[in-house]
Amino acid sequence: MYYEKLPNNLNILLLRATLPKSQDTYRDITSGIFAQKTGATVNLVPNVSHMLHWDNPEVVIKEIRERW
């Protein structure tokens, strides 16, 4: 993984999809590794697929506005 090359003070937010439910185990593992290696915050976004910015753009807009 290349996560170790990232500075640890980036304040990263990962918005994680929750659909399809069949991918939850894999997503839990990979987002957990990402959070552990980078110190990122992982937020699950209910009822969205990998295209969460299309499924629920308001969540993405809200996070950008709050963090920028």
PDB file of N, CA and C in Angstrom:
ATOM      1  N   MET A   1       0.835  -1.187   0.000  1.00  0.00           N
ATOM      2  CA  MET A   1       0.000   0.000   0.000  1.00  0.00           C
ATOM      3  C   MET A   1       0.878   1.248   0.000  1.00  0.00           C
ATOM      4  N   TYR A   2       0.323   2.283  -0.511  1.00  0.00           N
ATOM      5  CA  TYR A   2       1.038   3.549  -0.580  1.00  0.00           C
ATOM      6  C   TYR A   2       0.604   4.521   0.512  1.00  0.00           C
ATOM      7  N   TYR A   3      -0.276   4.091   1.387  1.00  0.00           N
ATOM      8  CA  TYR A   3      -0.787   4.974   2.421  1.00  0.00           C
ATOM      9  C   TYR A   3       0.318   5.506   3.318  1.00  0.00           C
ATOM     10  N   GLU A   4       1.326   4.686   3.552  1.00  0.00           N
ATOM     11  CA  GLU A   4       2.410   5.075   4.444  1.00  0.00           C
ATOM     12  C   GLU A   4       3.165   6.300   3.937  1.00  0.00           C
ATOM     13  N   LYS A   5       3.070   6.593   2.656  1.00  0.00           N
ATOM     14  CA  LYS A   5       3.780   7.729   2.078  1.00  0.00           C
ATOM     15  C   LYS A   5       3.046   9.051   2.301  1.00  0.00           C
ATOM     16  N   LEU A   6       1.804   8.986   2.747  1.00  0.00           N
ATOM     17  CA  LEU A   6       1.038  10.207   2.978  1.00  0.00           C
ATOM     18  C   LEU A   6       1.430  10.843   4.302  1.00  0.00           C
ATOM     19  N   PRO A   7       1.477  12.171   4.369  1.00  0.00           N
ATOM     20  CA  PRO A   7       1.697  12.825   5.665  1.00  0.00           C
ATOM     21  C   PRO A   7       0.543  12.474   6.602  1.00  0.00           C
ATOM     22  N   ASN A   8       0.809  12.397   7.889  1.00  0.00           N
ATOM     23  CA  ASN A   8      -0.236  11.976   8.830  1.00  0.00           C
ATOM     24  C   ASN A   8      -1.076  13.139   9.356  1.00  0.00           C
ATOM     25  N   ASN A   9      -0.918  14.322   8.803  1.00  0.00           N
ATOM     26  CA  ASN A   9      -1.675  15.475   9.292  1.00  0.00           C
ATOM     27  C   ASN A   9      -2.608  16.043   8.222  1.00  0.00           C
ATOM     28  N   LEU A  10      -3.106  15.210   7.338  1.00  0.00           N
ATOM     29  CA  LEU A  10      -3.907  15.689   6.214  1.00  0.00           C
ATOM     30  C   LEU A  10      -5.387  15.887   6.534  1.00  0.00           C
ATOM     31  N   ASN A  11      -5.867  15.371   7.644  1.00  0.00           N
ATOM     32  CA  ASN A  11      -7.284  15.496   8.001  1.00  0.00           C
ATOM     33  C   ASN A  11      -8.174  14.970   6.866  1.00  0.00           C
ATOM     34  N   ILE A  12      -7.957  13.731   6.487  1.00  0.00           N
ATOM     35  CA  ILE A  12      -8.666  13.103   5.370  1.00  0.00           C
ATOM     36  C   ILE A  12     -10.036  12.603   5.823  1.00  0.00           C
ATOM     37  N   LEU A  13     -11.016  12.803   4.967  1.00  0.00           N
ATOM     38  CA  LEU A  13     -12.349  12.247   5.179  1.00  0.00           C
ATOM     39  C   LEU A  13     -12.662  11.306   4.026  1.00  0.00           C
ATOM     40  N   LEU A  14     -13.045  10.083   4.343  1.00  0.00           N
ATOM     41  CA  LEU A  14     -13.501   9.124   3.343  1.00  0.00           C
ATOM     42  C   LEU A  14     -15.000   8.942   3.528  1.00  0.00           C
ATOM     43  N   LEU A  15     -15.761   9.280   2.510  1.00  0.00           N
ATOM     44  CA  LEU A  15     -17.194   9.017   2.512  1.00  0.00           C
ATOM     45  C   LEU A  15     -17.384   7.644   1.884  1.00  0.00           C
ATOM     46  N   ARG A  16     -17.910   6.711   2.677  1.00  0.00           N
ATOM     47  CA  ARG A  16     -17.981   5.319   2.242  1.00  0.00           C
ATOM     48  C   ARG A  16     -19.391   4.916   1.851  1.00  0.00           C
ATOM     49  N   ALA A  17     -19.508   4.282   0.701  1.00  0.00           N
ATOM     50  CA  ALA A  17     -20.794   3.785   0.213  1.00  0.00           C
ATOM     51  C   ALA A  17     -21.304   2.649   1.101  1.00  0.00           C
ATOM     52  N   THR A  18     -22.614   2.437   1.059  1.00  0.00           N
ATOM     53  CA  THR A  18     -23.227   1.363   1.846  1.00  0.00           C
ATOM     54  C   THR A  18     -24.027   0.383   0.988  1.00  0.00           C
ATOM     55  N   LEU A  19     -24.103   0.641  -0.301  1.00  0.00           N
ATOM     56  CA  LEU A  19     -24.804  -0.255  -1.223  1.00  0.00           C
ATOM     57  C   LEU A  19     -23.853  -0.727  -2.311  1.00  0.00           C
ATOM     58  N   PRO A  20     -23.941  -1.927  -2.754  1.00  0.00           N
ATOM     59  CA  PRO A  20     -24.811  -2.984  -2.259  1.00  0.00           C
ATOM     60  C   PRO A  20     -24.294  -3.534  -0.927  1.00  0.00           C
ATOM     61  N   LYS A  21     -25.213  -4.004  -0.135  1.00  0.00           N
ATOM     62  CA  LYS A  21     -24.868  -4.544   1.186  1.00  0.00           C
ATOM     63  C   LYS A  21     -23.894  -5.715   1.087  1.00  0.00           C
ATOM     64  N   SER A  22     -23.909  -6.414  -0.016  1.00  0.00           N
ATOM     65  CA  SER A  22     -23.023  -7.576  -0.185  1.00  0.00           C
ATOM     66  C   SER A  22     -21.547  -7.179  -0.154  1.00  0.00           C
ATOM     67  N   GLN A  23     -21.240  -5.916  -0.318  1.00  0.00           N
ATOM     68  CA  GLN A  23     -19.858  -5.437  -0.303  1.00  0.00           C
ATOM     69  C   GLN A  23     -19.419  -4.912   1.067  1.00  0.00           C
ATOM     70  N   ASP A  24     -20.302  -4.950   2.060  1.00  0.00           N
ATOM     71  CA  ASP A  24     -19.992  -4.371   3.372  1.00  0.00           C
ATOM     72  C   ASP A  24     -18.726  -4.932   4.008  1.00  0.00           C
ATOM     73  N   THR A  25     -18.554  -6.239   3.990  1.00  0.00           N
ATOM     74  CA  THR A  25     -17.380  -6.836   4.627  1.00  0.00           C
ATOM     75  C   THR A  25     -16.098  -6.321   3.990  1.00  0.00           C
ATOM     76  N   TYR A  26     -16.034  -6.344   2.683  1.00  0.00           N
ATOM     77  CA  TYR A  26     -14.849  -5.852   1.972  1.00  0.00           C
ATOM     78  C   TYR A  26     -14.628  -4.369   2.253  1.00  0.00           C
ATOM     79  N   ARG A  27     -15.687  -3.586   2.206  1.00  0.00           N
ATOM     80  CA  ARG A  27     -15.557  -2.147   2.471  1.00  0.00           C
ATOM     81  C   ARG A  27     -15.115  -1.882   3.904  1.00  0.00           C
ATOM     82  N   ASP A  28     -15.624  -2.644   4.854  1.00  0.00           N
ATOM     83  CA  ASP A  28     -15.199  -2.479   6.250  1.00  0.00           C
ATOM     84  C   ASP A  28     -13.702  -2.729   6.388  1.00  0.00           C
ATOM     85  N   ILE A  29     -13.229  -3.783   5.759  1.00  0.00           N
ATOM     86  CA  ILE A  29     -11.804  -4.126   5.852  1.00  0.00           C
ATOM     87  C   ILE A  29     -10.945  -3.049   5.205  1.00  0.00           C
ATOM     88  N   THR A  30     -11.262  -2.694   3.966  1.00  0.00           N
ATOM     89  CA  THR A  30     -10.406  -1.747   3.249  1.00  0.00           C
ATOM     90  C   THR A  30     -10.482  -0.339   3.824  1.00  0.00           C
ATOM     91  N   SER A  31     -11.660   0.102   4.235  1.00  0.00           N
ATOM     92  CA  SER A  31     -11.744   1.442   4.825  1.00  0.00           C
ATOM     93  C   SER A  31     -11.086   1.462   6.202  1.00  0.00           C
ATOM     94  N   GLY A  32     -11.126   0.345   6.911  1.00  0.00           N
ATOM     95  CA  GLY A  32     -10.433   0.250   8.193  1.00  0.00           C
ATOM     96  C   GLY A  32      -8.928   0.351   8.038  1.00  0.00           C
ATOM     97  N   ILE A  33      -8.389  -0.327   7.049  1.00  0.00           N
ATOM     98  CA  ILE A  33      -6.950  -0.230   6.764  1.00  0.00           C
ATOM     99  C   ILE A  33      -6.598   1.203   6.392  1.00  0.00           C
ATOM    100  N   PHE A  34      -7.400   1.804   5.525  1.00  0.00           N
ATOM    101  CA  PHE A  34      -7.156   3.183   5.105  1.00  0.00           C
ATOM    102  C   PHE A  34      -7.154   4.124   6.310  1.00  0.00           C
ATOM    103  N   ALA A  35      -8.139   3.990   7.185  1.00  0.00           N
ATOM    104  CA  ALA A  35      -8.220   4.843   8.370  1.00  0.00           C
ATOM    105  C   ALA A  35      -7.020   4.624   9.289  1.00  0.00           C
ATOM    106  N   GLN A  36      -6.641   3.373   9.484  1.00  0.00           N
ATOM    107  CA  GLN A  36      -5.506   3.053  10.355  1.00  0.00           C
ATOM    108  C   GLN A  36      -4.210   3.632   9.806  1.00  0.00           C
ATOM    109  N   LYS A  37      -3.992   3.495   8.527  1.00  0.00           N
ATOM    110  CA  LYS A  37      -2.729   3.928   7.924  1.00  0.00           C
ATOM    111  C   LYS A  37      -2.634   5.440   7.743  1.00  0.00           C
ATOM    112  N   THR A  38      -3.775   6.121   7.590  1.00  0.00           N
ATOM    113  CA  THR A  38      -3.746   7.554   7.284  1.00  0.00           C
ATOM    114  C   THR A  38      -4.278   8.437   8.400  1.00  0.00           C
ATOM    115  N   GLY A  39      -4.956   7.838   9.377  1.00  0.00           N
ATOM    116  CA  GLY A  39      -5.609   8.646  10.404  1.00  0.00           C
ATOM    117  C   GLY A  39      -6.894   9.282   9.901  1.00  0.00           C
ATOM    118  N   ALA A  40      -7.387   8.810   8.759  1.00  0.00           N
ATOM    119  CA  ALA A  40      -8.590   9.374   8.146  1.00  0.00           C
ATOM    120  C   ALA A  40      -9.827   9.073   8.978  1.00  0.00           C
ATOM    121  N   THR A  41     -10.821   9.919   8.810  1.00  0.00           N
ATOM    122  CA  THR A  41     -12.155   9.674   9.329  1.00  0.00           C
ATOM    123  C   THR A  41     -12.952   9.000   8.225  1.00  0.00           C
ATOM    124  N   VAL A  42     -13.670   7.938   8.575  1.00  0.00           N
ATOM    125  CA  VAL A  42     -14.499   7.232   7.600  1.00  0.00           C
ATOM    126  C   VAL A  42     -15.957   7.417   7.999  1.00  0.00           C
ATOM    127  N   ASN A  43     -16.724   8.032   7.113  1.00  0.00           N
ATOM    128  CA  ASN A  43     -18.156   8.218   7.345  1.00  0.00           C
ATOM    129  C   ASN A  43     -18.939   7.366   6.362  1.00  0.00           C
ATOM    130  N   LEU A  44     -19.812   6.521   6.890  1.00  0.00           N
ATOM    131  CA  LEU A  44     -20.689   5.729   6.040  1.00  0.00           C
ATOM    132  C   LEU A  44     -21.866   6.596   5.614  1.00  0.00           C
ATOM    133  N   VAL A  45     -22.169   6.589   4.332  1.00  0.00           N
ATOM    134  CA  VAL A  45     -23.290   7.362   3.806  1.00  0.00           C
ATOM    135  C   VAL A  45     -24.407   6.373   3.482  1.00  0.00           C
ATOM    136  N   PRO A  46     -25.525   6.464   4.199  1.00  0.00           N
ATOM    137  CA  PRO A  46     -26.601   5.486   4.021  1.00  0.00           C
ATOM    138  C   PRO A  46     -27.220   5.519   2.624  1.00  0.00           C
ATOM    139  N   ASN A  47     -27.549   4.343   2.143  1.00  0.00           N
ATOM    140  CA  ASN A  47     -28.331   4.179   0.914  1.00  0.00           C
ATOM    141  C   ASN A  47     -27.688   4.772  -0.335  1.00  0.00           C
ATOM    142  N   VAL A  48     -26.367   4.663  -0.437  1.00  0.00           N
ATOM    143  CA  VAL A  48     -25.675   5.132  -1.641  1.00  0.00           C
ATOM    144  C   VAL A  48     -24.731   4.052  -2.150  1.00  0.00           C
ATOM    145  N   SER A  49     -24.497   4.096  -3.457  1.00  0.00           N
ATOM    146  CA  SER A  49     -23.554   3.184  -4.092  1.00  0.00           C
ATOM    147  C   SER A  49     -22.193   3.863  -4.205  1.00  0.00           C
ATOM    148  N   HIS A  50     -21.300   3.236  -4.955  1.00  0.00           N
ATOM    149  CA  HIS A  50     -19.977   3.797  -5.190  1.00  0.00           C
ATOM    150  C   HIS A  50     -20.064   5.202  -5.791  1.00  0.00           C
ATOM    151  N   MET A  51     -21.129   5.483  -6.504  1.00  0.00           N
ATOM    152  CA  MET A  51     -21.337   6.800  -7.112  1.00  0.00           C
ATOM    153  C   MET A  51     -22.100   7.697  -6.141  1.00  0.00           C
ATOM    154  N   LEU A  52     -21.624   7.757  -4.903  1.00  0.00           N
ATOM    155  CA  LEU A  52     -22.364   8.462  -3.862  1.00  0.00           C
ATOM    156  C   LEU A  52     -22.554   9.936  -4.161  1.00  0.00           C
ATOM    157  N   HIS A  53     -21.646  10.528  -4.908  1.00  0.00           N
ATOM    158  CA  HIS A  53     -21.815  11.939  -5.264  1.00  0.00           C
ATOM    159  C   HIS A  53     -22.986  12.134  -6.229  1.00  0.00           C
ATOM    160  N   TRP A  54     -23.414  11.100  -6.902  1.00  0.00           N
ATOM    161  CA  TRP A  54     -24.621  11.163  -7.732  1.00  0.00           C
ATOM    162  C   TRP A  54     -25.844  10.744  -6.919  1.00  0.00           C
ATOM    163  N   ASP A  55     -25.675   9.729  -6.085  1.00  0.00           N
ATOM    164  CA  ASP A  55     -26.795   9.206  -5.303  1.00  0.00           C
ATOM    165  C   ASP A  55     -27.268  10.189  -4.237  1.00  0.00           C
ATOM    166  N   ASN A  56     -26.331  10.906  -3.633  1.00  0.00           N
ATOM    167  CA  ASN A  56     -26.677  11.862  -2.576  1.00  0.00           C
ATOM    168  C   ASN A  56     -25.678  13.019  -2.594  1.00  0.00           C
ATOM    169  N   PRO A  57     -25.780  13.896  -3.581  1.00  0.00           N
ATOM    170  CA  PRO A  57     -24.811  14.987  -3.694  1.00  0.00           C
ATOM    171  C   PRO A  57     -24.809  15.924  -2.492  1.00  0.00           C
ATOM    172  N   GLU A  58     -25.928  16.019  -1.787  1.00  0.00           N
ATOM    173  CA  GLU A  58     -26.005  16.936  -0.645  1.00  0.00           C
ATOM    174  C   GLU A  58     -25.024  16.557   0.463  1.00  0.00           C
ATOM    175  N   VAL A  59     -24.790  15.274   0.650  1.00  0.00           N
ATOM    176  CA  VAL A  59     -23.829  14.837   1.664  1.00  0.00           C
ATOM    177  C   VAL A  59     -22.429  15.323   1.301  1.00  0.00           C
ATOM    178  N   VAL A  60     -22.068  15.183   0.051  1.00  0.00           N
ATOM    179  CA  VAL A  60     -20.746  15.612  -0.411  1.00  0.00           C
ATOM    180  C   VAL A  60     -20.619  17.130  -0.296  1.00  0.00           C
ATOM    181  N   ILE A  61     -21.634  17.844  -0.725  1.00  0.00           N
ATOM    182  CA  ILE A  61     -21.625  19.313  -0.643  1.00  0.00           C
ATOM    183  C   ILE A  61     -21.478  19.764   0.801  1.00  0.00           C
ATOM    184  N   LYS A  62     -22.228  19.149   1.696  1.00  0.00           N
ATOM    185  CA  LYS A  62     -22.169  19.503   3.121  1.00  0.00           C
ATOM    186  C   LYS A  62     -20.761  19.316   3.676  1.00  0.00           C
ATOM    187  N   GLU A  63     -20.145  18.191   3.380  1.00  0.00           N
ATOM    188  CA  GLU A  63     -18.800  17.925   3.903  1.00  0.00           C
ATOM    189  C   GLU A  63     -17.771  18.896   3.334  1.00  0.00           C
ATOM    190  N   ILE A  64     -17.880  19.217   2.070  1.00  0.00           N
ATOM    191  CA  ILE A  64     -16.943  20.180   1.476  1.00  0.00           C
ATOM    192  C   ILE A  64     -17.106  21.542   2.132  1.00  0.00           C
ATOM    193  N   ARG A  65     -18.329  21.979   2.287  1.00  0.00           N
ATOM    194  CA  ARG A  65     -18.575  23.296   2.897  1.00  0.00           C
ATOM    195  C   ARG A  65     -18.093  23.359   4.342  1.00  0.00           C
ATOM    196  N   GLU A  66     -18.265  22.286   5.081  1.00  0.00           N
ATOM    197  CA  GLU A  66     -17.845  22.274   6.487  1.00  0.00           C
ATOM    198  C   GLU A  66     -16.336  22.205   6.652  1.00  0.00           C
ATOM    199  N   ARG A  67     -15.646  21.653   5.671  1.00  0.00           N
ATOM    200  CA  ARG A  67     -14.209  21.410   5.818  1.00  0.00           C
ATOM    201  C   ARG A  67     -13.330  22.366   5.040  1.00  0.00           C
ATOM    202  N   TRP A  68     -13.911  23.163   4.162  1.00  0.00           N
ATOM    203  CA  TRP A  68     -13.081  24.041   3.342  1.00  0.00           C
ATOM    204  C   TRP A  68     -13.189  25.458   3.789  1.00  0.00           C
TER     205      TRP A  68
END
